[in-house]
C-alpha atoms as a PDB file:
ATOM      1  CA  MET A   1     -93.870 -58.101  21.923  1.00  0.00           C
ATOM      2  CA  CYS A   2     -97.229 -58.843  20.219  1.00  0.00           C
ATOM      3  CA  SER A   3     -97.600 -61.928  18.185  1.00  0.00           C
ATOM      4  CA  VAL A   4     -98.425 -59.874  15.257  1.00  0.00           C
ATOM      5  CA  HIS A   5     -94.626 -59.338  14.648  1.00  0.00           C
ATOM      6  CA  GLY A   6     -93.919 -60.774  11.064  1.00  0.00           C
ATOM      7  CA  LYS A   7     -97.548 -61.420  10.294  1.00  0.00           C
ATOM      8  CA  SER A   8     -99.467 -60.083   7.288  1.00  0.00           C
ATOM      9  CA  VAL A   9    -102.418 -58.070   8.161  1.00  0.00           C
ATOM     10  CA  LEU A  10    -105.066 -56.547   5.938  1.00  0.00           C
ATOM     11  CA  VAL A  11    -106.849 -53.436   7.573  1.00  0.00           C
ATOM     12  CA  VAL A  12    -110.209 -52.439   5.872  1.00  0.00           C
ATOM     13  CA  GLU A  13    -111.140 -49.064   7.381  1.00  0.00           C
ATOM     14  CA  ASN A  14    -112.841 -46.296   5.496  1.00  0.00           C
ATOM     15  CA  ASP A  15    -111.942 -43.505   8.106  1.00  0.00           C
ATOM     16  CA  ALA A  16    -108.411 -42.348   6.832  1.00  0.00           C
ATOM     17  CA  ALA A  17    -107.245 -41.105  10.196  1.00  0.00           C
ATOM     18  CA  MET A  18    -108.246 -44.596  11.883  1.00  0.00           C
ATOM     19  CA  LEU A  19    -106.749 -46.386   9.012  1.00  0.00           C
ATOM     20  CA  ARG A  20    -103.332 -44.388   9.554  1.00  0.00           C
ATOM     21  CA  ALA A  21    -103.504 -45.254  13.371  1.00  0.00           C
ATOM     22  CA  LEU A  22    -104.043 -48.723  13.057  1.00  0.00           C
ATOM     23  CA  SER A  23    -101.359 -49.044  10.365  1.00  0.00           C
ATOM     24  CA  LYS A  24     -98.930 -47.282  12.655  1.00  0.00           C
ATOM     25  CA  VAL A  25     -99.569 -49.259  15.724  1.00  0.00           C
ATOM     26  CA  LEU A  26     -99.366 -52.497  13.870  1.00  0.00           C
ATOM     27  CA  SER A  27     -96.343 -51.470  11.832  1.00  0.00           C
ATOM     28  CA  ALA A  28     -94.720 -50.679  15.053  1.00  0.00           C
ATOM     29  CA  GLU A  29     -95.265 -54.124  16.449  1.00  0.00           C
ATOM     30  CA  GLY A  30     -93.613 -55.552  13.377  1.00  0.00           C
ATOM     31  CA  ALA A  31     -96.527 -56.548  11.128  1.00  0.00           C
ATOM     32  CA  VAL A  32     -96.740 -56.208   7.463  1.00  0.00           C
ATOM     33  CA  ILE A  33     -99.766 -54.128   6.669  1.00  0.00           C
ATOM     34  CA  SER A  34    -101.883 -53.879   3.739  1.00  0.00           C
ATOM     35  CA  ARG A  35    -104.659 -51.297   3.585  1.00  0.00           C
ATOM     36  CA  ALA A  36    -108.120 -50.973   1.932  1.00  0.00           C
ATOM     37  CA  SER A  37    -110.321 -48.186   2.235  1.00  0.00           C
ATOM     38  CA  TRP A  38    -113.593 -49.949   1.029  1.00  0.00           C
ATOM     39  CA  THR A  39    -115.052 -53.505   0.978  1.00  0.00           C
ATOM     40  CA  GLY A  40    -114.735 -53.775  -2.831  1.00  0.00           C
ATOM     41  CA  GLU A  41    -110.793 -53.057  -2.482  1.00  0.00           C
ATOM     42  CA  ALA A  42    -110.582 -55.814  -0.069  1.00  0.00           C
ATOM     43  CA  VAL A  43    -112.482 -58.295  -2.024  1.00  0.00           C
ATOM     44  CA  GLU A  44    -110.153 -57.589  -4.829  1.00  0.00           C
ATOM     45  CA  TYR A  45    -107.186 -58.731  -2.692  1.00  0.00           C
ATOM     46  CA  TRP A  46    -108.495 -62.131  -2.046  1.00  0.00           C
ATOM     47  CA  ALA A  47    -109.612 -62.492  -5.594  1.00  0.00           C
ATOM     48  CA  LYS A  48    -106.187 -61.857  -7.081  1.00  0.00           C
ATOM     49  CA  LYS A  49    -104.637 -64.401  -4.803  1.00  0.00           C
ATOM     50  CA  GLN A  50    -101.179 -62.736  -5.085  1.00  0.00           C
ATOM     51  CA  ALA A  51    -100.204 -62.934  -1.552  1.00  0.00           C
ATOM     52  CA  ARG A  52    -101.526 -64.176   1.937  1.00  0.00           C
ATOM     53  CA  PHE A  53    -102.735 -62.637   5.117  1.00  0.00           C
ATOM     54  CA  ASP A  54    -102.533 -63.893   8.551  1.00  0.00           C
ATOM     55  CA  LEU A  55    -105.260 -61.445   9.933  1.00  0.00           C
ATOM     56  CA  VAL A  56    -107.925 -59.169   8.954  1.00  0.00           C
ATOM     57  CA  ILE A  57    -109.177 -56.082  10.814  1.00  0.00           C
ATOM     58  CA  THR A  58    -112.262 -54.492   9.454  1.00  0.00           C
ATOM     59  CA  ASP A  59    -114.761 -51.931  10.239  1.00  0.00           C
ATOM     60  CA  LEU A  60    -118.598 -52.666   9.851  1.00  0.00           C
ATOM     61  CA  ALA A  61    -120.240 -49.125   9.357  1.00  0.00           C
ATOM     62  CA  TRP A  62    -120.118 -48.940   5.436  1.00  0.00           C
ATOM     63  CA  PRO A  63    -122.361 -47.677   2.848  1.00  0.00           C
ATOM     64  CA  GLY A  64    -123.463 -50.841   0.848  1.00  0.00           C
ATOM     65  CA  PRO A  65    -121.864 -54.230   1.722  1.00  0.00           C
ATOM     66  CA  GLY A  66    -119.472 -53.823   4.679  1.00  0.00           C
ATOM     67  CA  GLY A  67    -117.670 -55.615   7.190  1.00  0.00           C
ATOM     68  CA  SER A  68    -120.269 -58.275   7.882  1.00  0.00           C
ATOM     69  CA  MET A  69    -120.094 -59.178   4.029  1.00  0.00           C
ATOM     70  CA  ILE A  70    -116.363 -59.474   4.373  1.00  0.00           C
ATOM     71  CA  LEU A  71    -116.676 -61.456   7.602  1.00  0.00           C
ATOM     72  CA  ASN A  72    -119.155 -63.879   5.889  1.00  0.00           C
ATOM     73  CA  ALA A  73    -117.178 -64.225   2.777  1.00  0.00           C
ATOM     74  CA  LEU A  74    -113.902 -64.859   4.572  1.00  0.00           C
ATOM     75  CA  LYS A  75    -115.369 -67.271   7.136  1.00  0.00           C
ATOM     76  CA  ALA A  76    -116.961 -69.193   4.256  1.00  0.00           C
ATOM     77  CA  VAL A  77    -113.845 -69.393   2.007  1.00  0.00           C
ATOM     78  CA  PHE A  78    -111.024 -69.168   4.576  1.00  0.00           C
ATOM     79  CA  PRO A  79    -112.402 -70.198   7.844  1.00  0.00           C
ATOM     80  CA  GLU A  80    -108.857 -70.443   9.542  1.00  0.00           C
ATOM     81  CA  VAL A  81    -108.114 -66.570   8.939  1.00  0.00           C
ATOM     82  CA  PRO A  82    -109.037 -64.649  12.117  1.00  0.00           C
ATOM     83  CA  VAL A  83    -111.255 -61.534  11.376  1.00  0.00           C
ATOM     84  CA  MET A  84    -111.482 -58.702  13.964  1.00  0.00           C
ATOM     85  CA  ILE A  85    -114.209 -56.267  13.868  1.00  0.00           C
ATOM     86  CA  ILE A  86    -113.664 -52.688  14.920  1.00  0.00           C
ATOM     87  CA  THR A  87    -116.592 -50.354  14.676  1.00  0.00           C
ATOM     88  CA  ALA A  88    -118.081 -47.238  16.094  1.00  0.00           C
ATOM     89  CA  SER A  89    -121.626 -48.720  15.733  1.00  0.00           C
ATOM     90  CA  GLY A  90    -121.516 -51.382  18.005  1.00  0.00           C
ATOM     91  CA  ASN A  91    -124.355 -52.850  20.232  1.00  0.00           C
ATOM     92  CA  PRO A  92    -124.556 -56.209  22.250  1.00  0.00           C
ATOM     93  CA  GLY A  93    -126.936 -57.715  19.394  1.00  0.00           C
ATOM     94  CA  LEU A  94    -124.462 -56.740  16.700  1.00  0.00           C
ATOM     95  CA  GLN A  95    -121.496 -58.005  18.793  1.00  0.00           C
ATOM     96  CA  THR A  96    -123.169 -61.226  19.294  1.00  0.00           C
ATOM     97  CA  GLN A  97    -124.167 -61.638  15.636  1.00  0.00           C
ATOM     98  CA  CYS A  98    -120.512 -60.847  14.613  1.00  0.00           C
ATOM     99  CA  LEU A  99    -119.015 -63.364  17.128  1.00  0.00           C
ATOM    100  CA  ARG A 100    -121.554 -66.160  16.013  1.00  0.00           C
ATOM    101  CA  GLN A 101    -120.670 -65.473  12.526  1.00  0.00           C
ATOM    102  CA  GLY A 102    -116.931 -66.334  13.194  1.00  0.00           C
ATOM    103  CA  ALA A 103    -115.278 -62.838  14.233  1.00  0.00           C
ATOM    104  CA  ALA A 104    -112.273 -63.482  16.268  1.00  0.00           C
ATOM    105  CA  ALA A 105    -112.855 -60.067  18.264  1.00  0.00           C
ATOM    106  CA  PHE A 106    -115.361 -57.265  18.317  1.00  0.00           C
ATOM    107  CA  LEU A 107    -113.953 -53.923  19.542  1.00  0.00           C
ATOM    108  CA  GLU A 108    -115.800 -50.688  19.638  1.00  0.00           C
ATOM    109  CA  LYS A 109    -114.128 -47.371  18.885  1.00  0.00           C
ATOM    110  CA  PRO A 110    -112.260 -45.592  20.108  1.00  0.00           C
ATOM    111  CA  VAL A 111    -109.840 -48.574  20.613  1.00  0.00           C
ATOM    112  CA  ASP A 112    -106.850 -48.224  22.715  1.00  0.00           C
ATOM    113  CA  THR A 113    -103.515 -49.764  21.862  1.00  0.00           C
ATOM    114  CA  VAL A 114    -103.363 -52.358  24.547  1.00  0.00           C
ATOM    115  CA  GLU A 115    -107.060 -53.360  23.886  1.00  0.00           C
ATOM    116  CA  LEU A 116    -106.113 -53.899  20.294  1.00  0.00           C
ATOM    117  CA  LEU A 117    -102.833 -55.788  20.697  1.00  0.00           C
ATOM    118  CA  THR A 118    -104.495 -58.023  23.410  1.00  0.00           C
ATOM    119  CA  ALA A 119    -107.359 -58.926  20.961  1.00  0.00           C
ATOM    120  CA  ILE A 120    -104.938 -59.495  18.228  1.00  0.00           C
ATOM    121  CA  GLU A 121    -102.721 -61.756  20.413  1.00  0.00           C
ATOM    122  CA  HIS A 122    -105.773 -63.687  21.443  1.00  0.00           C
ATOM    123  CA  ALA A 123    -107.037 -64.097  17.639  1.00  0.00           C
ATOM    124  CA  LEU A 124    -103.676 -65.221  16.414  1.00  0.00           C
ATOM    125  CA  SER A 125    -103.001 -67.572  19.160  1.00  0.00           C
ATOM    126  CA  SER A 126    -106.389 -69.172  19.096  1.00  0.00           C
ATOM    127  CA  ARG A 127    -106.179 -69.750  15.464  1.00  0.00           C
ATOM    128  CA  ARG A 128    -106.399 -73.373  14.409  1.00  0.00           C
ATOM    129  CA  GLY A 129    -103.776 -74.536  11.697  1.00  0.00           C
ATOM    130  CA  GLU A 130    -101.902 -72.408   9.399  1.00  0.00           C
ATOM    131  CA  ALA A 131    -104.320 -71.565   6.639  1.00  0.00           C
ATOM    132  CA  ARG A 132    -104.030 -68.216   5.430  1.00  0.00           C
ATOM    133  CA  PHE A 133    -106.185 -66.098   3.133  1.00  0.00           C
ATOM    134  CA  PRO A 134    -104.517 -65.102  -0.387  1.00  0.00           C
ATOM    135  CA  VAL A 135    -104.557 -61.611  -1.081  1.00  0.00           C
ATOM    136  CA  GLN A 136    -102.310 -59.022  -2.834  1.00  0.00           C
ATOM    137  CA  ARG A 137    -100.283 -56.508  -0.743  1.00  0.00           C
ATOM    138  CA  THR A 138    -100.349 -52.841  -1.406  1.00  0.00           C
ATOM    139  CA  ASP A 139     -97.751 -50.118  -0.989  1.00  0.00           C
ATOM    140  CA  GLU A 140     -97.912 -48.142   2.193  1.00  0.00           C
ATOM    141  CA  ALA A 141     -99.004 -44.515   1.315  1.00  0.00           C
END
C-alpha cells in the first residue's frame, strides 16, 4: 500500500479528465482528495485555513499564474508540505528549475499509476517534520 493512505491531498489540475483520473487513483489508495481546477481556487484553500493537506499535486501549464506560482507560495509559507509537479509541458530546464524551487517531484504527462505512486511515496517519506498546509476541503463531484 502506498503511503498516501489516510493522507489529505490537494490536486490542482485544469484538465477535467486528468483531475478525475488522479482523484480516482489516489482515492483508491485511501487518500482524502480535494480538487481545484485553477490556481486561484487552490490559493483560496490555504487562505481560508479550514483544513490541512499533506501533499499538493499541481500542473504547471496554466493561463496566468500557474503551478510555479503555487510552488513558490507554498514553499515560502509551508516549506514542509511536499509539492509534486505533473505537466505536459516539461523540459529538462523547467524540471531543474522546479526541483531547485523545492518541488518534491516533477513528472511528465502521461503519468502511469506506478510512477505516480512511487513519486508520492518518495515525497511523503522524505518530508521532514509534520508541518501541514492549511486548506479547505471540497466535496467530490
